[in-house]
């Protein structure tokens, strides 16, 4: 005897196109939220790592100048996003160049106290390893900006929340 399978029973054996579209849409929304919430902490961590590398780079330049008793200058290439050290005589110092990670950009670099639109692109270190204070602003791919003031005498990095805070600190530190 043949058994008849009802049409309703066979149609429930698989997903309908509408159910698949709804499922994929929900999964895409969840994935999008996860990616967005993941991107920001990763960008912040990369930014923190960059500033840690810059502190080590600055320390190596100071040590090199002091140990070799030669003035050193750090060229800041805004277009390529690279920090390179060379002696005052144009010889490359024995310090590896430091590139800014891909996707990040140097928005602003200047020696502290100078005009925002100054075209000075070097940090001069004397033979004792001292340098003038300088300001650096980095922008992440998510347009997060981070500003640092590097105090020339000590090499300390001070994080600034915004330009107003930076100007206030510059007025206190500079005569």
N, C-alpha and C. Protein backbone atom coordinates (compact mmCIF):
# COMPACT_ATOMS: atom_id res chain seq x y z
N UNK A 1 0.83 -1.17 0.00
CA UNK A 1 0.00 0.00 0.00
C UNK A 1 0.89 1.24 0.00
N UNK A 2 0.62 2.10 -0.88
CA UNK A 2 1.40 3.33 -1.01
C UNK A 2 0.93 4.35 0.02
N UNK A 3 1.96 4.97 0.64
CA UNK A 3 1.60 6.03 1.59
C UNK A 3 1.76 7.36 0.91
N UNK A 4 0.88 8.16 1.17
CA UNK A 4 0.93 9.50 0.58
C UNK A 4 1.52 10.47 1.59
N UNK A 5 2.49 11.18 1.15
CA UNK A 5 3.06 12.22 2.01
C UNK A 5 2.40 13.53 1.62
N UNK A 6 1.89 14.16 2.60
CA UNK A 6 1.17 15.40 2.30
C UNK A 6 2.14 16.49 1.84
N UNK A 7 1.62 17.39 1.12
CA UNK A 7 2.40 18.50 0.60
C UNK A 7 2.98 19.35 1.74
N UNK A 8 2.24 19.51 2.78
CA UNK A 8 2.67 20.31 3.92
C UNK A 8 3.89 19.68 4.59
N UNK A 9 3.95 18.40 4.69
CA UNK A 9 5.07 17.71 5.33
C UNK A 9 6.35 17.86 4.50
N UNK A 10 6.25 17.79 3.19
CA UNK A 10 7.44 17.92 2.35
C UNK A 10 7.95 19.35 2.32
N UNK A 11 7.10 20.33 2.40
CA UNK A 11 7.56 21.72 2.33
C UNK A 11 8.29 22.12 3.60
N UNK A 12 8.10 21.45 4.73
CA UNK A 12 8.79 21.78 5.98
C UNK A 12 10.13 21.07 6.09
N UNK A 13 10.46 20.23 5.14
CA UNK A 13 11.72 19.51 5.20
C UNK A 13 12.90 20.42 4.85
N UNK A 14 12.67 21.60 4.32
CA UNK A 14 13.74 22.52 3.94
C UNK A 14 13.36 23.94 4.34
N UNK A 15 14.38 24.81 4.35
CA UNK A 15 14.14 26.23 4.66
C UNK A 15 13.58 26.93 3.44
N UNK A 16 12.73 27.88 3.67
CA UNK A 16 12.24 28.68 2.55
C UNK A 16 13.26 29.77 2.27
N UNK A 17 13.16 30.34 1.11
CA UNK A 17 14.07 31.42 0.73
C UNK A 17 13.95 32.59 1.69
N UNK A 18 12.79 32.93 2.12
CA UNK A 18 12.57 34.03 3.06
C UNK A 18 13.27 33.76 4.39
N UNK A 19 13.16 32.54 4.89
CA UNK A 19 13.84 32.19 6.15
C UNK A 19 15.36 32.31 6.01
N UNK A 20 15.89 31.89 4.88
CA UNK A 20 17.33 32.00 4.64
C UNK A 20 17.77 33.46 4.60
N UNK A 21 17.02 34.31 3.91
CA UNK A 21 17.36 35.74 3.81
C UNK A 21 17.34 36.39 5.19
N UNK A 22 16.32 36.10 5.98
CA UNK A 22 16.23 36.67 7.33
C UNK A 22 17.41 36.19 8.18
N UNK A 23 17.75 34.93 8.12
CA UNK A 23 18.86 34.38 8.90
C UNK A 23 20.19 35.03 8.50
N UNK A 24 20.44 35.12 7.20
CA UNK A 24 21.68 35.73 6.73
C UNK A 24 21.73 37.21 7.12
N UNK A 25 20.62 37.92 7.06
CA UNK A 25 20.58 39.33 7.44
C UNK A 25 20.91 39.50 8.92
N UNK A 26 20.33 38.66 9.76
CA UNK A 26 20.61 38.74 11.20
C UNK A 26 22.09 38.45 11.47
N UNK A 27 22.64 37.43 10.82
CA UNK A 27 24.06 37.11 11.00
C UNK A 27 24.96 38.25 10.52
N UNK A 28 24.59 38.89 9.41
CA UNK A 28 25.37 40.02 8.90
C UNK A 28 25.34 41.19 9.88
N UNK A 29 24.19 41.46 10.47
CA UNK A 29 24.08 42.54 11.48
C UNK A 29 24.96 42.24 12.69
N UNK A 30 24.92 41.03 13.17
CA UNK A 30 25.74 40.64 14.33
C UNK A 30 27.23 40.77 13.99
N UNK A 31 27.61 40.30 12.81
CA UNK A 31 29.02 40.41 12.38
C UNK A 31 29.44 41.87 12.24
N UNK A 32 28.57 42.70 11.69
CA UNK A 32 28.88 44.13 11.55
C UNK A 32 29.09 44.81 12.88
N UNK A 33 28.25 44.50 13.83
CA UNK A 33 28.39 45.07 15.17
C UNK A 33 29.68 44.60 15.81
N UNK A 34 30.02 43.33 15.64
CA UNK A 34 31.25 42.79 16.21
C UNK A 34 32.48 43.46 15.60
N UNK A 35 32.47 43.65 14.28
CA UNK A 35 33.61 44.28 13.61
C UNK A 35 33.77 45.72 14.07
N UNK A 36 32.69 46.47 14.15
CA UNK A 36 32.76 47.87 14.57
C UNK A 36 33.26 47.96 16.01
N UNK A 37 32.75 47.12 16.89
CA UNK A 37 33.18 47.19 18.28
C UNK A 37 34.60 46.65 18.46
N UNK A 38 35.08 45.85 17.55
CA UNK A 38 36.44 45.31 17.59
C UNK A 38 37.46 46.30 17.04
N UNK A 39 37.07 47.08 16.04
CA UNK A 39 37.98 48.00 15.36
C UNK A 39 38.54 49.08 16.28
N UNK A 40 37.69 49.67 17.09
CA UNK A 40 38.12 50.78 17.94
C UNK A 40 39.19 50.37 18.95
N UNK A 41 39.00 49.28 19.70
CA UNK A 41 40.07 48.88 20.63
C UNK A 41 41.37 48.51 19.91
N UNK A 42 41.26 47.91 18.75
CA UNK A 42 42.46 47.54 17.99
C UNK A 42 43.19 48.81 17.54
N UNK A 43 42.45 49.81 17.06
CA UNK A 43 43.07 51.07 16.63
C UNK A 43 43.75 51.76 17.82
N UNK A 44 43.07 51.75 18.98
CA UNK A 44 43.67 52.35 20.19
C UNK A 44 44.94 51.62 20.59
N UNK A 45 44.93 50.30 20.50
CA UNK A 45 46.12 49.51 20.86
C UNK A 45 47.27 49.79 19.90
N UNK A 46 46.95 49.89 18.61
CA UNK A 46 48.00 50.20 17.62
C UNK A 46 48.58 51.59 17.86
N UNK A 47 47.73 52.54 18.23
CA UNK A 47 48.17 53.89 18.53
C UNK A 47 49.07 53.91 19.76
N UNK A 48 48.67 53.20 20.79
CA UNK A 48 49.48 53.10 22.01
C UNK A 48 50.84 52.49 21.68
N UNK A 49 50.83 51.44 20.87
CA UNK A 49 52.07 50.78 20.47
C UNK A 49 52.97 51.74 19.69
N UNK A 50 52.39 52.52 18.81
CA UNK A 50 53.17 53.50 18.04
C UNK A 50 53.85 54.49 18.98
N UNK A 51 53.13 55.01 19.95
CA UNK A 51 53.73 55.98 20.86
C UNK A 51 54.79 55.34 21.75
N UNK A 52 54.63 54.08 22.11
CA UNK A 52 55.67 53.37 22.85
C UNK A 52 56.93 53.23 21.99
N UNK A 53 56.74 52.91 20.70
CA UNK A 53 57.88 52.82 19.79
C UNK A 53 58.56 54.18 19.63
N UNK A 54 57.77 55.24 19.55
CA UNK A 54 58.34 56.58 19.43
C UNK A 54 59.15 56.95 20.67
N UNK A 55 58.67 56.57 21.84
CA UNK A 55 59.44 56.83 23.07
C UNK A 55 60.78 56.10 23.03
N UNK A 56 60.76 54.85 22.60
CA UNK A 56 62.02 54.09 22.50
C UNK A 56 62.94 54.70 21.44
N UNK A 57 62.37 55.12 20.32
CA UNK A 57 63.14 55.75 19.26
C UNK A 57 63.80 57.03 19.78
N UNK A 58 63.03 57.87 20.46
CA UNK A 58 63.55 59.11 21.04
C UNK A 58 64.67 58.80 22.03
N UNK A 59 64.48 57.78 22.85
CA UNK A 59 65.50 57.39 23.83
C UNK A 59 66.78 56.93 23.14
N UNK A 60 66.64 56.15 22.05
CA UNK A 60 67.83 55.70 21.31
C UNK A 60 68.57 56.86 20.68
N UNK A 61 67.82 57.84 20.15
CA UNK A 61 68.46 59.02 19.54
C UNK A 61 69.23 59.79 20.61
N UNK A 62 68.62 59.99 21.77
CA UNK A 62 69.29 60.71 22.86
C UNK A 62 70.56 59.97 23.29
N UNK A 63 70.45 58.66 23.44
CA UNK A 63 71.60 57.85 23.85
C UNK A 63 72.71 57.91 22.80
N UNK A 64 72.35 57.80 21.53
CA UNK A 64 73.33 57.85 20.45
C UNK A 64 74.07 59.18 20.46
N UNK A 65 73.33 60.29 20.56
CA UNK A 65 73.95 61.61 20.56
C UNK A 65 74.90 61.76 21.74
N UNK A 66 74.46 61.31 22.90
CA UNK A 66 75.28 61.45 24.11
C UNK A 66 76.51 60.54 24.06
N UNK A 67 76.34 59.29 23.66
CA UNK A 67 77.47 58.36 23.66
C UNK A 67 78.49 58.66 22.57
N UNK A 68 78.05 59.21 21.43
CA UNK A 68 78.98 59.56 20.35
C UNK A 68 79.41 61.02 20.39
N UNK A 69 78.83 61.77 21.31
CA UNK A 69 79.13 63.20 21.45
C UNK A 69 78.98 63.96 20.12
N UNK A 70 77.88 63.67 19.42
CA UNK A 70 77.60 64.35 18.16
C UNK A 70 76.15 64.82 18.15
N UNK A 71 75.90 65.98 17.57
CA UNK A 71 74.50 66.40 17.41
C UNK A 71 73.81 65.47 16.40
N UNK A 72 72.56 65.20 16.67
CA UNK A 72 71.76 64.34 15.80
C UNK A 72 70.46 65.07 15.49
N UNK A 73 69.95 64.84 14.30
CA UNK A 73 68.63 65.41 13.98
C UNK A 73 67.74 64.29 13.47
N UNK A 74 66.49 64.39 13.84
CA UNK A 74 65.50 63.43 13.39
C UNK A 74 64.65 64.11 12.33
N UNK A 75 64.68 63.55 11.15
CA UNK A 75 63.84 64.07 10.07
C UNK A 75 62.48 63.39 10.15
N UNK A 76 61.44 64.20 10.07
CA UNK A 76 60.07 63.69 10.12
C UNK A 76 59.49 63.87 8.72
N UNK A 77 59.29 62.77 8.02
CA UNK A 77 58.72 62.80 6.67
C UNK A 77 57.21 62.63 6.80
N UNK A 78 56.49 63.74 6.69
CA UNK A 78 55.04 63.70 6.88
C UNK A 78 54.33 62.91 5.78
N UNK A 79 54.84 63.00 4.56
CA UNK A 79 54.20 62.30 3.45
C UNK A 79 54.31 60.78 3.57
N UNK A 80 55.50 60.31 3.89
CA UNK A 80 55.72 58.87 4.01
C UNK A 80 55.45 58.36 5.43
N UNK A 81 55.38 59.27 6.40
CA UNK A 81 55.14 58.88 7.79
C UNK A 81 56.31 58.12 8.39
N UNK A 82 57.52 58.69 8.25
CA UNK A 82 58.72 58.01 8.75
C UNK A 82 59.56 58.99 9.58
N UNK A 83 60.12 58.47 10.67
CA UNK A 83 61.06 59.21 11.49
C UNK A 83 62.44 58.61 11.22
N UNK A 84 63.41 59.45 10.79
CA UNK A 84 64.76 58.97 10.49
C UNK A 84 65.77 59.83 11.21
N UNK A 85 66.77 59.19 11.82
CA UNK A 85 67.82 59.90 12.55
C UNK A 85 69.09 59.95 11.71
N UNK A 86 69.74 61.10 11.73
CA UNK A 86 71.03 61.24 11.07
C UNK A 86 71.89 62.20 11.89
N UNK A 87 73.19 62.06 11.75
CA UNK A 87 74.08 62.97 12.48
C UNK A 87 74.01 64.34 11.84
N UNK A 88 74.57 65.30 12.53
CA UNK A 88 74.56 66.67 12.04
C UNK A 88 75.31 66.81 10.71
N UNK A 89 76.21 65.87 10.44
CA UNK A 89 77.00 65.92 9.21
C UNK A 89 76.31 65.18 8.06
N UNK A 90 75.09 64.74 8.27
CA UNK A 90 74.34 64.08 7.21
C UNK A 90 74.53 62.58 7.15
N UNK A 91 75.33 62.02 8.07
CA UNK A 91 75.53 60.56 8.09
C UNK A 91 74.33 59.92 8.79
N UNK A 92 73.96 58.77 8.30
CA UNK A 92 72.85 58.06 8.92
C UNK A 92 73.30 57.54 10.28
N UNK A 93 72.53 57.84 11.30
CA UNK A 93 72.83 57.34 12.65
C UNK A 93 72.47 55.85 12.69
N UNK A 94 73.09 55.13 13.59
CA UNK A 94 72.88 53.69 13.71
C UNK A 94 71.58 53.41 14.46
N UNK A 95 70.49 53.99 13.95
CA UNK A 95 69.16 53.84 14.56
C UNK A 95 68.19 53.55 13.42
N UNK A 96 67.47 52.46 13.54
CA UNK A 96 66.52 52.08 12.47
C UNK A 96 65.42 53.13 12.34
N UNK A 97 65.05 53.49 11.11
CA UNK A 97 63.93 54.42 10.91
C UNK A 97 62.65 53.85 11.50
N UNK A 98 61.78 54.74 11.92
CA UNK A 98 60.52 54.31 12.52
C UNK A 98 59.37 54.76 11.63
N UNK A 99 58.69 53.80 10.97
CA UNK A 99 57.53 54.17 10.15
C UNK A 99 56.26 54.19 11.00
N UNK A 100 55.36 55.07 10.62
CA UNK A 100 54.02 55.09 11.24
C UNK A 100 53.25 53.94 10.61
N UNK A 101 52.51 53.14 11.41
CA UNK A 101 51.79 51.99 10.84
C UNK A 101 50.85 52.38 9.71
N UNK A 102 50.69 51.46 8.78
CA UNK A 102 49.83 51.68 7.63
C UNK A 102 48.42 52.04 8.09
N UNK A 103 47.85 53.02 7.45
CA UNK A 103 46.50 53.47 7.79
C UNK A 103 46.50 54.67 8.72
N UNK A 104 47.57 54.82 9.51
CA UNK A 104 47.67 55.99 10.38
C UNK A 104 48.41 57.09 9.65
N UNK A 105 48.15 58.32 10.05
CA UNK A 105 48.76 59.44 9.36
C UNK A 105 49.21 60.48 10.37
N UNK A 106 50.35 61.09 10.09
CA UNK A 106 50.81 62.21 10.91
C UNK A 106 50.01 63.42 10.46
N UNK A 107 49.14 63.89 11.32
CA UNK A 107 48.31 65.05 10.98
C UNK A 107 49.11 66.33 11.16
N UNK A 108 49.88 66.37 12.26
CA UNK A 108 50.64 67.58 12.56
C UNK A 108 51.91 67.22 13.29
N UNK A 109 52.98 67.90 12.96
CA UNK A 109 54.24 67.81 13.68
C UNK A 109 54.81 69.21 13.74
N UNK A 110 55.25 69.60 14.91
CA UNK A 110 55.92 70.89 15.05
C UNK A 110 56.71 70.93 16.33
N UNK A 111 57.69 71.80 16.35
CA UNK A 111 58.41 72.04 17.59
C UNK A 111 57.50 72.87 18.48
N UNK A 112 57.46 72.58 19.76
CA UNK A 112 56.56 73.29 20.68
C UNK A 112 56.85 74.78 20.66
N UNK A 113 55.80 75.56 20.70
CA UNK A 113 55.94 77.01 20.69
C UNK A 113 55.94 77.60 19.29
N UNK A 114 56.10 76.77 18.26
CA UNK A 114 56.10 77.28 16.89
C UNK A 114 54.67 77.37 16.37
N UNK A 115 54.54 78.09 15.30
CA UNK A 115 53.24 78.22 14.65
C UNK A 115 52.77 76.85 14.17
N UNK A 116 51.47 76.65 14.17
CA UNK A 116 50.91 75.38 13.68
C UNK A 116 51.29 75.13 12.24
N UNK A 117 51.61 76.18 11.52
CA UNK A 117 51.86 76.03 10.09
C UNK A 117 53.35 76.14 9.76
N UNK A 118 54.18 75.89 10.76
CA UNK A 118 55.62 75.90 10.55
C UNK A 118 56.00 74.73 9.64
N UNK A 119 57.03 74.93 8.84
CA UNK A 119 57.46 73.88 7.93
C UNK A 119 58.73 73.20 8.39
N UNK A 120 59.08 73.38 9.67
CA UNK A 120 60.24 72.68 10.22
C UNK A 120 59.89 71.20 10.30
N UNK A 121 60.75 70.38 9.74
CA UNK A 121 60.49 68.95 9.72
C UNK A 121 61.60 68.15 10.40
N UNK A 122 62.39 68.80 11.26
CA UNK A 122 63.46 68.10 11.95
C UNK A 122 63.44 68.44 13.44
N UNK A 123 63.91 67.47 14.22
CA UNK A 123 64.07 67.67 15.66
C UNK A 123 65.58 67.66 15.91
N UNK A 124 66.15 68.79 16.32
CA UNK A 124 67.60 68.80 16.58
C UNK A 124 67.92 68.35 18.01
N UNK A 125 68.80 67.37 18.13
CA UNK A 125 69.30 66.90 19.43
C UNK A 125 70.74 67.35 19.54
N UNK A 126 71.14 67.93 20.68
CA UNK A 126 72.53 68.34 20.82
C UNK A 126 73.39 67.13 21.23
N UNK A 127 74.67 67.35 21.38
CA UNK A 127 75.59 66.25 21.67
C UNK A 127 75.39 65.67 23.08
N UNK A 128 74.58 66.32 23.90
CA UNK A 128 74.25 65.79 25.23
C UNK A 128 72.91 65.03 25.20
N UNK A 129 72.27 64.98 24.03
CA UNK A 129 71.02 64.24 23.89
C UNK A 129 69.77 65.05 24.18
N UNK A 130 69.91 66.34 24.44
CA UNK A 130 68.74 67.18 24.72
C UNK A 130 68.16 67.70 23.40
N UNK A 131 66.87 67.93 23.42
CA UNK A 131 66.18 68.42 22.22
C UNK A 131 65.10 69.40 22.66
N UNK A 132 64.61 70.21 21.73
CA UNK A 132 63.46 71.05 22.09
C UNK A 132 62.20 70.18 22.21
N UNK A 133 61.22 70.68 22.91
CA UNK A 133 59.95 69.97 23.01
C UNK A 133 59.28 69.97 21.64
N UNK A 134 58.53 68.92 21.36
CA UNK A 134 57.84 68.84 20.07
C UNK A 134 56.47 68.23 20.24
N UNK A 135 55.62 68.51 19.27
CA UNK A 135 54.22 68.10 19.30
C UNK A 135 53.95 67.22 18.09
N UNK A 136 53.20 66.15 18.34
CA UNK A 136 52.86 65.22 17.28
C UNK A 136 51.39 64.86 17.40
N UNK A 137 50.70 64.89 16.27
CA UNK A 137 49.29 64.50 16.23
C UNK A 137 49.15 63.40 15.19
N UNK A 138 48.61 62.26 15.62
CA UNK A 138 48.41 61.11 14.74
C UNK A 138 46.92 60.86 14.59
N UNK A 139 46.50 60.51 13.37
CA UNK A 139 45.10 60.20 13.10
C UNK A 139 45.00 58.75 12.64
N UNK A 140 44.04 58.01 13.22
CA UNK A 140 43.82 56.61 12.86
C UNK A 140 42.87 56.54 11.66
N UNK A 141 42.72 55.37 11.06
CA UNK A 141 41.77 55.24 9.95
C UNK A 141 40.33 55.57 10.35
N UNK A 142 40.01 55.46 11.65
CA UNK A 142 38.65 55.79 12.12
C UNK A 142 38.54 57.26 12.51
N UNK A 143 39.53 58.07 12.11
CA UNK A 143 39.59 59.51 12.38
C UNK A 143 39.68 59.84 13.87
N UNK A 144 40.25 58.94 14.66
CA UNK A 144 40.56 59.26 16.04
C UNK A 144 41.90 59.99 16.04
N UNK A 145 41.95 61.11 16.72
CA UNK A 145 43.19 61.88 16.78
C UNK A 145 43.80 61.74 18.16
N UNK A 146 45.12 61.59 18.18
CA UNK A 146 45.84 61.51 19.44
C UNK A 146 47.01 62.48 19.37
N UNK A 147 47.11 63.33 20.38
CA UNK A 147 48.14 64.38 20.40
C UNK A 147 49.12 64.07 21.53
N UNK A 148 50.40 64.20 21.24
CA UNK A 148 51.43 64.02 22.26
C UNK A 148 52.37 65.22 22.23
N UNK A 149 52.73 65.65 23.43
CA UNK A 149 53.77 66.66 23.61
C UNK A 149 54.96 65.91 24.17
N UNK A 150 56.10 66.00 23.50
CA UNK A 150 57.31 65.35 23.98
C UNK A 150 58.17 66.44 24.59
N UNK A 151 58.42 66.31 25.88
CA UNK A 151 59.20 67.32 26.60
C UNK A 151 60.66 67.09 26.27
N UNK A 152 61.28 68.10 25.65
CA UNK A 152 62.62 67.96 25.10
C UNK A 152 63.71 67.65 26.10
N UNK A 153 63.66 68.24 27.26
CA UNK A 153 64.73 68.03 28.24
C UNK A 153 64.75 66.60 28.78
N UNK A 154 63.58 66.01 28.97
CA UNK A 154 63.51 64.69 29.60
C UNK A 154 63.08 63.57 28.66
N UNK A 155 62.44 63.90 27.57
CA UNK A 155 61.94 62.87 26.65
C UNK A 155 60.63 62.26 27.10
N UNK A 156 59.97 62.88 28.08
CA UNK A 156 58.68 62.38 28.53
C UNK A 156 57.61 62.68 27.50
N UNK A 157 56.69 61.73 27.31
CA UNK A 157 55.57 61.91 26.41
C UNK A 157 54.34 62.26 27.25
N UNK A 158 53.69 63.36 26.94
CA UNK A 158 52.48 63.77 27.64
C UNK A 158 51.31 63.70 26.67
N UNK A 159 50.31 62.91 27.02
CA UNK A 159 49.12 62.76 26.17
C UNK A 159 48.20 63.95 26.36
N UNK A 160 47.67 64.46 25.26
CA UNK A 160 46.73 65.57 25.29
C UNK A 160 45.41 65.11 24.73
N UNK A 161 44.33 65.57 25.33
CA UNK A 161 42.99 65.22 24.86
C UNK A 161 42.60 66.04 23.64
N UNK A 162 43.03 67.31 23.62
CA UNK A 162 42.64 68.18 22.51
C UNK A 162 43.65 69.33 22.38
N UNK A 163 43.47 70.12 21.37
CA UNK A 163 44.38 71.22 21.08
C UNK A 163 44.38 72.27 22.19
N UNK A 164 43.24 72.52 22.79
CA UNK A 164 43.15 73.52 23.87
C UNK A 164 44.03 73.12 25.06
N UNK A 165 43.97 71.85 25.43
CA UNK A 165 44.78 71.33 26.54
C UNK A 165 46.27 71.45 26.21
N UNK A 166 46.63 71.18 24.95
CA UNK A 166 48.01 71.29 24.52
C UNK A 166 48.50 72.74 24.62
N UNK A 167 47.72 73.69 24.13
CA UNK A 167 48.11 75.09 24.18
C UNK A 167 48.28 75.56 25.62
N UNK A 168 47.42 75.12 26.50
CA UNK A 168 47.52 75.49 27.92
C UNK A 168 48.83 74.98 28.51
N UNK A 169 49.18 73.73 28.22
CA UNK A 169 50.41 73.15 28.74
C UNK A 169 51.63 73.83 28.13
N UNK A 170 51.59 74.14 26.84
CA UNK A 170 52.70 74.84 26.19
C UNK A 170 52.95 76.19 26.85
N UNK A 171 51.87 76.91 27.18
CA UNK A 171 52.04 78.23 27.82
C UNK A 171 52.71 78.09 29.19
N UNK A 172 52.41 77.01 29.90
CA UNK A 172 53.01 76.78 31.22
C UNK A 172 54.48 76.41 31.11
N UNK A 173 54.83 75.59 30.09
CA UNK A 173 56.19 75.08 29.98
C UNK A 173 57.15 76.04 29.29
N UNK A 174 56.65 76.79 28.33
CA UNK A 174 57.54 77.64 27.54
C UNK A 174 57.50 79.09 28.04
N UNK A 175 58.66 79.72 28.03
CA UNK A 175 58.70 81.13 28.49
C UNK A 175 58.00 82.06 27.54
